[in-house]
Amino acid sequence: MSTITAPHVPAYRLTRRGRVVVFLFAFLALIALALVFAGGSMATSEPEATQTVVVEPGQTLWSIAADVSDGRDVRDMMDHLVDLNELDSVALGAGQHLEVPVD
């Protein structure tokens, strides 16, 4: 005759608060791991080499970008100069100093 035994019930049980604590700990551990791996993917290259040019009367951002673009798309160079110099617009004034990339 076979004996039927009751399933094994562990001697411990997590309360609602305990389950919340375990969940929060696991969640924070995942966030910490994500931050560690995300930090490793950041660009760590050297800053771009630049030189300062002084805007002369009649010069435009387009003309300066065309001078330093070396055959690349002038529009892309204009966008790059706006970002590099944190310009609010493409309007320039005579005597203004601009950083331009050096090849």
PDB file of N, CA and C in Angstrom:
ATOM      1  N   MET A   1       0.816  -1.148   0.000  1.00  0.00           N
ATOM      2  CA  MET A   1       0.000   0.000   0.000  1.00  0.00           C
ATOM      3  C   MET A   1       0.882   1.240   0.000  1.00  0.00           C
ATOM      4  N   SER A   2       0.571   2.203  -0.884  1.00  0.00           N
ATOM      5  CA  SER A   2       1.388   3.409  -0.993  1.00  0.00           C
ATOM      6  C   SER A   2       0.815   4.481  -0.089  1.00  0.00           C
ATOM      7  N   THR A   3       1.721   5.230   0.423  1.00  0.00           N
ATOM      8  CA  THR A   3       1.327   6.289   1.331  1.00  0.00           C
ATOM      9  C   THR A   3       1.368   7.617   0.586  1.00  0.00           C
ATOM     10  N   ILE A   4       0.330   8.373   0.704  1.00  0.00           N
ATOM     11  CA  ILE A   4       0.283   9.680   0.073  1.00  0.00           C
ATOM     12  C   ILE A   4       0.784  10.690   1.087  1.00  0.00           C
ATOM     13  N   THR A   5       1.790  11.431   0.659  1.00  0.00           N
ATOM     14  CA  THR A   5       2.343  12.436   1.570  1.00  0.00           C
ATOM     15  C   THR A   5       1.952  13.825   1.097  1.00  0.00           C
ATOM     16  N   ALA A   6       1.821  14.684   2.022  1.00  0.00           N
ATOM     17  CA  ALA A   6       1.469  16.071   1.697  1.00  0.00           C
ATOM     18  C   ALA A   6       2.677  16.752   1.070  1.00  0.00           C
ATOM     19  N   PRO A   7       2.431  17.694   0.162  1.00  0.00           N
ATOM     20  CA  PRO A   7       3.565  18.403  -0.426  1.00  0.00           C
ATOM     21  C   PRO A   7       4.344  19.143   0.647  1.00  0.00           C
ATOM     22  N   HIS A   8       5.639  19.274   0.376  1.00  0.00           N
ATOM     23  CA  HIS A   8       6.527  19.937   1.341  1.00  0.00           C
ATOM     24  C   HIS A   8       6.240  21.435   1.339  1.00  0.00           C
ATOM     25  N   VAL A   9       5.953  21.958   2.498  1.00  0.00           N
ATOM     26  CA  VAL A   9       5.707  23.382   2.657  1.00  0.00           C
ATOM     27  C   VAL A   9       6.914  23.971   3.367  1.00  0.00           C
ATOM     28  N   PRO A  10       7.526  25.017   2.764  1.00  0.00           N
ATOM     29  CA  PRO A  10       8.702  25.590   3.419  1.00  0.00           C
ATOM     30  C   PRO A  10       8.333  26.186   4.778  1.00  0.00           C
ATOM     31  N   ALA A  11       9.326  26.262   5.630  1.00  0.00           N
ATOM     32  CA  ALA A  11       9.112  26.754   6.987  1.00  0.00           C
ATOM     33  C   ALA A  11       9.041  28.276   7.031  1.00  0.00           C
ATOM     34  N   TYR A  12       9.295  28.956   5.924  1.00  0.00           N
ATOM     35  CA  TYR A  12       9.256  30.427   5.904  1.00  0.00           C
ATOM     36  C   TYR A  12       8.229  30.890   4.882  1.00  0.00           C
ATOM     37  N   ARG A  13       7.716  32.064   5.119  1.00  0.00           N
ATOM     38  CA  ARG A  13       6.794  32.697   4.179  1.00  0.00           C
ATOM     39  C   ARG A  13       7.097  34.181   4.137  1.00  0.00           C
ATOM     40  N   LEU A  14       7.014  34.759   2.946  1.00  0.00           N
ATOM     41  CA  LEU A  14       7.238  36.195   2.829  1.00  0.00           C
ATOM     42  C   LEU A  14       5.914  36.927   3.028  1.00  0.00           C
ATOM     43  N   THR A  15       5.978  37.935   3.823  1.00  0.00           N
ATOM     44  CA  THR A  15       4.807  38.788   3.997  1.00  0.00           C
ATOM     45  C   THR A  15       4.704  39.722   2.792  1.00  0.00           C
ATOM     46  N   ARG A  16       3.647  40.474   2.723  1.00  0.00           N
ATOM     47  CA  ARG A  16       3.491  41.440   1.632  1.00  0.00           C
ATOM     48  C   ARG A  16       4.655  42.427   1.652  1.00  0.00           C
ATOM     49  N   ARG A  17       5.021  42.908   2.817  1.00  0.00           N
ATOM     50  CA  ARG A  17       6.142  43.841   2.939  1.00  0.00           C
ATOM     51  C   ARG A  17       7.437  43.186   2.479  1.00  0.00           C
ATOM     52  N   GLY A  18       7.625  41.930   2.821  1.00  0.00           N
ATOM     53  CA  GLY A  18       8.828  41.207   2.402  1.00  0.00           C
ATOM     54  C   GLY A  18       8.904  41.067   0.895  1.00  0.00           C
ATOM     55  N   ARG A  19       7.775  40.765   0.247  1.00  0.00           N
ATOM     56  CA  ARG A  19       7.765  40.654  -1.210  1.00  0.00           C
ATOM     57  C   ARG A  19       8.079  41.996  -1.862  1.00  0.00           C
ATOM     58  N   VAL A  20       7.563  43.093  -1.290  1.00  0.00           N
ATOM     59  CA  VAL A  20       7.854  44.419  -1.814  1.00  0.00           C
ATOM     60  C   VAL A  20       9.337  44.733  -1.684  1.00  0.00           C
ATOM     61  N   VAL A  21       9.923  44.399  -0.552  1.00  0.00           N
ATOM     62  CA  VAL A  21      11.344  44.647  -0.331  1.00  0.00           C
ATOM     63  C   VAL A  21      12.185  43.845  -1.319  1.00  0.00           C
ATOM     64  N   VAL A  22      11.859  42.585  -1.525  1.00  0.00           N
ATOM     65  CA  VAL A  22      12.608  41.751  -2.466  1.00  0.00           C
ATOM     66  C   VAL A  22      12.458  42.306  -3.885  1.00  0.00           C
ATOM     67  N   PHE A  23      11.244  42.704  -4.266  1.00  0.00           N
ATOM     68  CA  PHE A  23      11.025  43.280  -5.591  1.00  0.00           C
ATOM     69  C   PHE A  23      11.836  44.558  -5.771  1.00  0.00           C
ATOM     70  N   LEU A  24      11.795  45.469  -4.797  1.00  0.00           N
ATOM     71  CA  LEU A  24      12.537  46.721  -4.897  1.00  0.00           C
ATOM     72  C   LEU A  24      14.038  46.485  -4.966  1.00  0.00           C
ATOM     73  N   PHE A  25      14.534  45.539  -4.194  1.00  0.00           N
ATOM     74  CA  PHE A  25      15.961  45.215  -4.229  1.00  0.00           C
ATOM     75  C   PHE A  25      16.361  44.704  -5.615  1.00  0.00           C
ATOM     76  N   ALA A  26      15.565  43.813  -6.191  1.00  0.00           N
ATOM     77  CA  ALA A  26      15.863  43.284  -7.518  1.00  0.00           C
ATOM     78  C   ALA A  26      15.785  44.398  -8.568  1.00  0.00           C
ATOM     79  N   PHE A  27      14.800  45.284  -8.439  1.00  0.00           N
ATOM     80  CA  PHE A  27      14.646  46.388  -9.370  1.00  0.00           C
ATOM     81  C   PHE A  27      15.843  47.330  -9.295  1.00  0.00           C
ATOM     82  N   LEU A  28      16.273  47.681  -8.096  1.00  0.00           N
ATOM     83  CA  LEU A  28      17.432  48.561  -7.931  1.00  0.00           C
ATOM     84  C   LEU A  28      18.708  47.908  -8.442  1.00  0.00           C
ATOM     85  N   ALA A  29      18.834  46.607  -8.266  1.00  0.00           N
ATOM     86  CA  ALA A  29      20.006  45.897  -8.782  1.00  0.00           C
ATOM     87  C   ALA A  29      20.032  45.951 -10.311  1.00  0.00           C
ATOM     88  N   LEU A  30      18.872  45.798 -10.953  1.00  0.00           N
ATOM     89  CA  LEU A  30      18.809  45.889 -12.410  1.00  0.00           C
ATOM     90  C   LEU A  30      19.144  47.293 -12.889  1.00  0.00           C
ATOM     91  N   ILE A  31      18.652  48.308 -12.188  1.00  0.00           N
ATOM     92  CA  ILE A  31      18.966  49.695 -12.552  1.00  0.00           C
ATOM     93  C   ILE A  31      20.471  49.936 -12.422  1.00  0.00           C
ATOM     94  N   ALA A  32      21.073  49.456 -11.351  1.00  0.00           N
ATOM     95  CA  ALA A  32      22.516  49.636 -11.154  1.00  0.00           C
ATOM     96  C   ALA A  32      23.304  48.962 -12.271  1.00  0.00           C
ATOM     97  N   LEU A  33      22.903  47.761 -12.659  1.00  0.00           N
ATOM     98  CA  LEU A  33      23.585  47.076 -13.758  1.00  0.00           C
ATOM     99  C   LEU A  33      23.426  47.839 -15.076  1.00  0.00           C
ATOM    100  N   ALA A  34      22.239  48.360 -15.312  1.00  0.00           N
ATOM    101  CA  ALA A  34      22.007  49.126 -16.535  1.00  0.00           C
ATOM    102  C   ALA A  34      22.895  50.363 -16.565  1.00  0.00           C
ATOM    103  N   LEU A  35      23.045  51.042 -15.445  1.00  0.00           N
ATOM    104  CA  LEU A  35      23.898  52.228 -15.393  1.00  0.00           C
ATOM    105  C   LEU A  35      25.365  51.883 -15.617  1.00  0.00           C
ATOM    106  N   VAL A  36      25.794  50.760 -15.075  1.00  0.00           N
ATOM    107  CA  VAL A  36      27.186  50.337 -15.262  1.00  0.00           C
ATOM    108  C   VAL A  36      27.457  50.058 -16.736  1.00  0.00           C
ATOM    109  N   PHE A  37      26.550  49.332 -17.385  1.00  0.00           N
ATOM    110  CA  PHE A  37      26.765  49.003 -18.792  1.00  0.00           C
ATOM    111  C   PHE A  37      26.561  50.217 -19.684  1.00  0.00           C
ATOM    112  N   ALA A  38      25.661  51.095 -19.340  1.00  0.00           N
ATOM    113  CA  ALA A  38      25.446  52.297 -20.146  1.00  0.00           C
ATOM    114  C   ALA A  38      26.648  53.231 -20.041  1.00  0.00           C
ATOM    115  N   GLY A  39      27.278  53.290 -18.887  1.00  0.00           N
ATOM    116  CA  GLY A  39      28.453  54.138 -18.707  1.00  0.00           C
ATOM    117  C   GLY A  39      29.616  53.687 -19.568  1.00  0.00           C
ATOM    118  N   GLY A  40      29.707  52.421 -19.848  1.00  0.00           N
ATOM    119  CA  GLY A  40      30.789  51.901 -20.665  1.00  0.00           C
ATOM    120  C   GLY A  40      30.622  52.219 -22.137  1.00  0.00           C
ATOM    121  N   SER A  41      29.409  52.562 -22.548  1.00  0.00           N
ATOM    122  CA  SER A  41      29.186  52.826 -23.962  1.00  0.00           C
ATOM    123  C   SER A  41      29.313  54.297 -24.322  1.00  0.00           C
ATOM    124  N   MET A  42      29.588  55.146 -23.362  1.00  0.00           N
ATOM    125  CA  MET A  42      29.738  56.567 -23.655  1.00  0.00           C
ATOM    126  C   MET A  42      31.033  56.805 -24.428  1.00  0.00           C
ATOM    127  N   ALA A  43      30.971  57.790 -25.299  1.00  0.00           N
ATOM    128  CA  ALA A  43      32.156  58.131 -26.087  1.00  0.00           C
ATOM    129  C   ALA A  43      33.219  58.727 -25.169  1.00  0.00           C
ATOM    130  N   THR A  44      34.428  58.239 -25.295  1.00  0.00           N
ATOM    131  CA  THR A  44      35.524  58.731 -24.463  1.00  0.00           C
ATOM    132  C   THR A  44      36.659  59.255 -25.328  1.00  0.00           C
ATOM    133  N   SER A  45      36.312  59.675 -26.547  1.00  0.00           N
ATOM    134  CA  SER A  45      37.358  60.119 -27.455  1.00  0.00           C
ATOM    135  C   SER A  45      37.865  61.508 -27.071  1.00  0.00           C
ATOM    136  N   GLU A  46      38.974  61.857 -27.654  1.00  0.00           N
ATOM    137  CA  GLU A  46      39.573  63.169 -27.430  1.00  0.00           C
ATOM    138  C   GLU A  46      38.659  64.249 -27.993  1.00  0.00           C
ATOM    139  N   PRO A  47      38.672  65.430 -27.411  1.00  0.00           N
ATOM    140  CA  PRO A  47      37.893  66.515 -28.001  1.00  0.00           C
ATOM    141  C   PRO A  47      38.425  66.878 -29.381  1.00  0.00           C
ATOM    142  N   GLU A  48      37.543  67.369 -30.208  1.00  0.00           N
ATOM    143  CA  GLU A  48      37.910  67.726 -31.572  1.00  0.00           C
ATOM    144  C   GLU A  48      38.871  68.912 -31.574  1.00  0.00           C
ATOM    145  N   ALA A  49      39.895  68.820 -32.418  1.00  0.00           N
ATOM    146  CA  ALA A  49      40.848  69.922 -32.547  1.00  0.00           C
ATOM    147  C   ALA A  49      40.180  71.071 -33.291  1.00  0.00           C
ATOM    148  N   THR A  50      40.276  72.260 -32.718  1.00  0.00           N
ATOM    149  CA  THR A  50      39.642  73.428 -33.334  1.00  0.00           C
ATOM    150  C   THR A  50      40.620  74.596 -33.354  1.00  0.00           C
ATOM    151  N   GLN A  51      40.270  75.593 -34.154  1.00  0.00           N
ATOM    152  CA  GLN A  51      40.986  76.862 -34.128  1.00  0.00           C
ATOM    153  C   GLN A  51      39.932  77.968 -34.118  1.00  0.00           C
ATOM    154  N   THR A  52      40.312  79.120 -33.620  1.00  0.00           N
ATOM    155  CA  THR A  52      39.395  80.243 -33.536  1.00  0.00           C
ATOM    156  C   THR A  52      39.565  81.137 -34.756  1.00  0.00           C
ATOM    157  N   VAL A  53      38.441  81.476 -35.383  1.00  0.00           N
ATOM    158  CA  VAL A  53      38.455  82.433 -36.483  1.00  0.00           C
ATOM    159  C   VAL A  53      37.598  83.624 -36.078  1.00  0.00           C
ATOM    160  N   VAL A  54      37.959  84.782 -36.597  1.00  0.00           N
ATOM    161  CA  VAL A  54      37.206  85.998 -36.340  1.00  0.00           C
ATOM    162  C   VAL A  54      36.387  86.304 -37.588  1.00  0.00           C
ATOM    163  N   VAL A  55      35.097  86.483 -37.398  1.00  0.00           N
ATOM    164  CA  VAL A  55      34.201  86.766 -38.519  1.00  0.00           C
ATOM    165  C   VAL A  55      34.498  88.167 -39.050  1.00  0.00           C
ATOM    166  N   GLU A  56      34.708  88.242 -40.364  1.00  0.00           N
ATOM    167  CA  GLU A  56      34.971  89.523 -41.007  1.00  0.00           C
ATOM    168  C   GLU A  56      33.677  90.088 -41.587  1.00  0.00           C
ATOM    169  N   PRO A  57      33.630  91.388 -41.824  1.00  0.00           N
ATOM    170  CA  PRO A  57      32.408  91.970 -42.388  1.00  0.00           C
ATOM    171  C   PRO A  57      32.021  91.275 -43.700  1.00  0.00           C
ATOM    172  N   GLY A  58      30.750  90.939 -43.840  1.00  0.00           N
ATOM    173  CA  GLY A  58      30.255  90.294 -45.051  1.00  0.00           C
ATOM    174  C   GLY A  58      30.344  88.780 -45.032  1.00  0.00           C
ATOM    175  N   GLN A  59      31.070  88.183 -44.083  1.00  0.00           N
ATOM    176  CA  GLN A  59      31.155  86.722 -44.012  1.00  0.00           C
ATOM    177  C   GLN A  59      29.867  86.164 -43.424  1.00  0.00           C
ATOM    178  N   THR A  60      29.489  85.001 -43.932  1.00  0.00           N
ATOM    179  CA  THR A  60      28.319  84.305 -43.416  1.00  0.00           C
ATOM    180  C   THR A  60      28.756  82.953 -42.869  1.00  0.00           C
ATOM    181  N   LEU A  61      27.867  82.332 -42.132  1.00  0.00           N
ATOM    182  CA  LEU A  61      28.177  80.995 -41.631  1.00  0.00           C
ATOM    183  C   LEU A  61      28.369  80.035 -42.797  1.00  0.00           C
ATOM    184  N   TRP A  62      27.598  80.250 -43.875  1.00  0.00           N
ATOM    185  CA  TRP A  62      27.741  79.402 -45.058  1.00  0.00           C
ATOM    186  C   TRP A  62      29.143  79.525 -45.645  1.00  0.00           C
ATOM    187  N   SER A  63      29.646  80.750 -45.772  1.00  0.00           N
ATOM    188  CA  SER A  63      30.970  80.928 -46.381  1.00  0.00           C
ATOM    189  C   SER A  63      32.063  80.333 -45.493  1.00  0.00           C
ATOM    190  N   ILE A  64      31.934  80.476 -44.198  1.00  0.00           N
ATOM    191  CA  ILE A  64      32.933  79.902 -43.295  1.00  0.00           C
ATOM    192  C   ILE A  64      32.860  78.384 -43.352  1.00  0.00           C
ATOM    193  N   ALA A  65      31.638  77.830 -43.350  1.00  0.00           N
ATOM    194  CA  ALA A  65      31.470  76.375 -43.426  1.00  0.00           C
ATOM    195  C   ALA A  65      32.019  75.845 -44.746  1.00  0.00           C
ATOM    196  N   ALA A  66      31.820  76.576 -45.830  1.00  0.00           N
ATOM    197  CA  ALA A  66      32.347  76.145 -47.138  1.00  0.00           C
ATOM    198  C   ALA A  66      33.872  76.138 -47.128  1.00  0.00           C
ATOM    199  N   ASP A  67      34.484  77.107 -46.448  1.00  0.00           N
ATOM    200  CA  ASP A  67      35.949  77.172 -46.376  1.00  0.00           C
ATOM    201  C   ASP A  67      36.548  75.993 -45.614  1.00  0.00           C
ATOM    202  N   VAL A  68      35.866  75.526 -44.570  1.00  0.00           N
ATOM    203  CA  VAL A  68      36.451  74.476 -43.725  1.00  0.00           C
ATOM    204  C   VAL A  68      35.878  73.089 -44.004  1.00  0.00           C
ATOM    205  N   SER A  69      34.950  72.981 -44.961  1.00  0.00           N
ATOM    206  CA  SER A  69      34.287  71.686 -45.173  1.00  0.00           C
ATOM    207  C   SER A  69      35.124  70.691 -45.973  1.00  0.00           C
ATOM    208  N   ASP A  70      36.118  71.151 -46.707  1.00  0.00           N
ATOM    209  CA  ASP A  70      36.999  70.274 -47.501  1.00  0.00           C
ATOM    210  C   ASP A  70      36.223  69.293 -48.375  1.00  0.00           C
ATOM    211  N   GLY A  71      35.259  69.827 -49.140  1.00  0.00           N
ATOM    212  CA  GLY A  71      34.531  68.987 -50.076  1.00  0.00           C
ATOM    213  C   GLY A  71      33.355  68.242 -49.482  1.00  0.00           C
ATOM    214  N   ARG A  72      33.195  68.280 -48.169  1.00  0.00           N
ATOM    215  CA  ARG A  72      32.040  67.631 -47.549  1.00  0.00           C
ATOM    216  C   ARG A  72      30.821  68.526 -47.714  1.00  0.00           C
ATOM    217  N   ASP A  73      29.675  68.029 -47.326  1.00  0.00           N
ATOM    218  CA  ASP A  73      28.430  68.782 -47.439  1.00  0.00           C
ATOM    219  C   ASP A  73      28.498  70.023 -46.557  1.00  0.00           C
ATOM    220  N   VAL A  74      28.310  71.189 -47.151  1.00  0.00           N
ATOM    221  CA  VAL A  74      28.410  72.463 -46.430  1.00  0.00           C
ATOM    222  C   VAL A  74      27.302  72.572 -45.384  1.00  0.00           C
ATOM    223  N   ARG A  75      26.115  72.032 -45.689  1.00  0.00           N
ATOM    224  CA  ARG A  75      25.013  72.087 -44.716  1.00  0.00           C
ATOM    225  C   ARG A  75      25.351  71.317 -43.446  1.00  0.00           C
ATOM    226  N   ASP A  76      25.997  70.154 -43.613  1.00  0.00           N
ATOM    227  CA  ASP A  76      26.406  69.380 -42.438  1.00  0.00           C
ATOM    228  C   ASP A  76      27.439  70.147 -41.621  1.00  0.00           C
ATOM    229  N   MET A  77      28.367  70.817 -42.320  1.00  0.00           N
ATOM    230  CA  MET A  77      29.379  71.604 -41.619  1.00  0.00           C
ATOM    231  C   MET A  77      28.735  72.782 -40.897  1.00  0.00           C
ATOM    232  N   MET A  78      27.737  73.401 -41.494  1.00  0.00           N
ATOM    233  CA  MET A  78      27.027  74.492 -40.822  1.00  0.00           C
ATOM    234  C   MET A  78      26.375  74.000 -39.542  1.00  0.00           C
ATOM    235  N   ASP A  79      25.700  72.858 -39.616  1.00  0.00           N
ATOM    236  CA  ASP A  79      25.079  72.276 -38.416  1.00  0.00           C
ATOM    237  C   ASP A  79      26.136  71.994 -37.349  1.00  0.00           C
ATOM    238  N   HIS A  80      27.285  71.485 -37.800  1.00  0.00           N
ATOM    239  CA  HIS A  80      28.367  71.176 -36.864  1.00  0.00           C
ATOM    240  C   HIS A  80      28.896  72.449 -36.198  1.00  0.00           C
ATOM    241  N   LEU A  81      29.050  73.519 -36.982  1.00  0.00           N
ATOM    242  CA  LEU A  81      29.532  74.787 -36.419  1.00  0.00           C
ATOM    243  C   LEU A  81      28.524  75.380 -35.439  1.00  0.00           C
ATOM    244  N   VAL A  82      27.241  75.262 -35.746  1.00  0.00           N
ATOM    245  CA  VAL A  82      26.203  75.749 -34.828  1.00  0.00           C
ATOM    246  C   VAL A  82      26.291  74.992 -33.507  1.00  0.00           C
ATOM    247  N   ASP A  83      26.437  73.653 -33.573  1.00  0.00           N
ATOM    248  CA  ASP A  83      26.553  72.844 -32.356  1.00  0.00           C
ATOM    249  C   ASP A  83      27.842  73.148 -31.607  1.00  0.00           C
ATOM    250  N   LEU A  84      28.946  73.219 -32.332  1.00  0.00           N
ATOM    251  CA  LEU A  84      30.255  73.427 -31.730  1.00  0.00           C
ATOM    252  C   LEU A  84      30.335  74.762 -30.999  1.00  0.00           C
ATOM    253  N   ASN A  85      29.698  75.786 -31.559  1.00  0.00           N
ATOM    254  CA  ASN A  85      29.764  77.123 -30.974  1.00  0.00           C
ATOM    255  C   ASN A  85      28.514  77.486 -30.172  1.00  0.00           C
ATOM    256  N   GLU A  86      27.587  76.537 -30.066  1.00  0.00           N
ATOM    257  CA  GLU A  86      26.344  76.743 -29.317  1.00  0.00           C
ATOM    258  C   GLU A  86      25.636  78.016 -29.769  1.00  0.00           C
ATOM    259  N   LEU A  87      25.493  78.144 -31.091  1.00  0.00           N
ATOM    260  CA  LEU A  87      24.853  79.320 -31.673  1.00  0.00           C
ATOM    261  C   LEU A  87      23.334  79.187 -31.600  1.00  0.00           C
ATOM    262  N   ASP A  88      22.658  80.308 -31.366  1.00  0.00           N
ATOM    263  CA  ASP A  88      21.201  80.319 -31.350  1.00  0.00           C
ATOM    264  C   ASP A  88      20.629  80.454 -32.766  1.00  0.00           C
ATOM    265  N   SER A  89      21.405  81.042 -33.671  1.00  0.00           N
ATOM    266  CA  SER A  89      20.969  81.199 -35.058  1.00  0.00           C
ATOM    267  C   SER A  89      22.201  81.177 -35.947  1.00  0.00           C
ATOM    268  N   VAL A  90      21.967  81.249 -37.252  1.00  0.00           N
ATOM    269  CA  VAL A  90      23.087  81.240 -38.195  1.00  0.00           C
ATOM    270  C   VAL A  90      23.571  82.648 -38.501  1.00  0.00           C
ATOM    271  N   ALA A  91      22.952  83.653 -37.895  1.00  0.00           N
ATOM    272  CA  ALA A  91      23.373  85.044 -38.116  1.00  0.00           C
ATOM    273  C   ALA A  91      24.666  85.304 -37.341  1.00  0.00           C
ATOM    274  N   LEU A  92      25.629  85.905 -38.032  1.00  0.00           N
ATOM    275  CA  LEU A  92      26.920  86.216 -37.416  1.00  0.00           C
ATOM    276  C   LEU A  92      27.147  87.718 -37.467  1.00  0.00           C
ATOM    277  N   GLY A  93      27.967  88.190 -36.551  1.00  0.00           N
ATOM    278  CA  GLY A  93      28.345  89.598 -36.543  1.00  0.00           C
ATOM    279  C   GLY A  93      29.837  89.741 -36.769  1.00  0.00           C
ATOM    280  N   ALA A  94      30.230  90.830 -37.425  1.00  0.00           N
ATOM    281  CA  ALA A  94      31.651  91.085 -37.653  1.00  0.00           C
ATOM    282  C   ALA A  94      32.361  91.166 -36.311  1.00  0.00           C
ATOM    283  N   GLY A  95      33.515  90.504 -36.225  1.00  0.00           N
ATOM    284  CA  GLY A  95      34.282  90.481 -34.996  1.00  0.00           C
ATOM    285  C   GLY A  95      33.955  89.325 -34.072  1.00  0.00           C
ATOM    286  N   GLN A  96      32.919  88.579 -34.399  1.00  0.00           N
ATOM    287  CA  GLN A  96      32.539  87.439 -33.568  1.00  0.00           C
ATOM    288  C   GLN A  96      33.586  86.336 -33.713  1.00  0.00           C
ATOM    289  N   HIS A  97      33.876  85.661 -32.624  1.00  0.00           N
ATOM    290  CA  HIS A  97      34.842  84.564 -32.627  1.00  0.00           C
ATOM    291  C   HIS A  97      34.106  83.242 -32.768  1.00  0.00           C
ATOM    292  N   LEU A  98      34.583  82.393 -33.681  1.00  0.00           N
ATOM    293  CA  LEU A  98      34.005  81.072 -33.908  1.00  0.00           C
ATOM    294  C   LEU A  98      35.089  80.019 -33.810  1.00  0.00           C
ATOM    295  N   GLU A  99      34.731  78.906 -33.228  1.00  0.00           N
ATOM    296  CA  GLU A  99      35.609  77.729 -33.239  1.00  0.00           C
ATOM    297  C   GLU A  99      35.286  76.916 -34.480  1.00  0.00           C
ATOM    298  N   VAL A 100      36.292  76.561 -35.262  1.00  0.00           N
ATOM    299  CA  VAL A 100      36.098  75.734 -36.448  1.00  0.00           C
ATOM    300  C   VAL A 100      37.030  74.545 -36.347  1.00  0.00           C
ATOM    301  N   PRO A 101      36.612  73.381 -36.866  1.00  0.00           N
ATOM    302  CA  PRO A 101      37.466  72.191 -36.797  1.00  0.00           C
ATOM    303  C   PRO A 101      38.728  72.332 -37.640  1.00  0.00           C
ATOM    304  N   VAL A 102      39.803  71.761 -37.158  1.00  0.00           N
ATOM    305  CA  VAL A 102      41.074  71.755 -37.870  1.00  0.00           C
ATOM    306  C   VAL A 102      41.271  70.363 -38.441  1.00  0.00           C
ATOM    307  N   ASP A 103      41.638  70.301 -39.710  1.00  0.00           N
ATOM    308  CA  ASP A 103      41.870  68.977 -40.335  1.00  0.00           C
ATOM    309  C   ASP A 103      43.213  68.439 -39.999  1.00  0.00           C
TER     310      ASP A 103
END
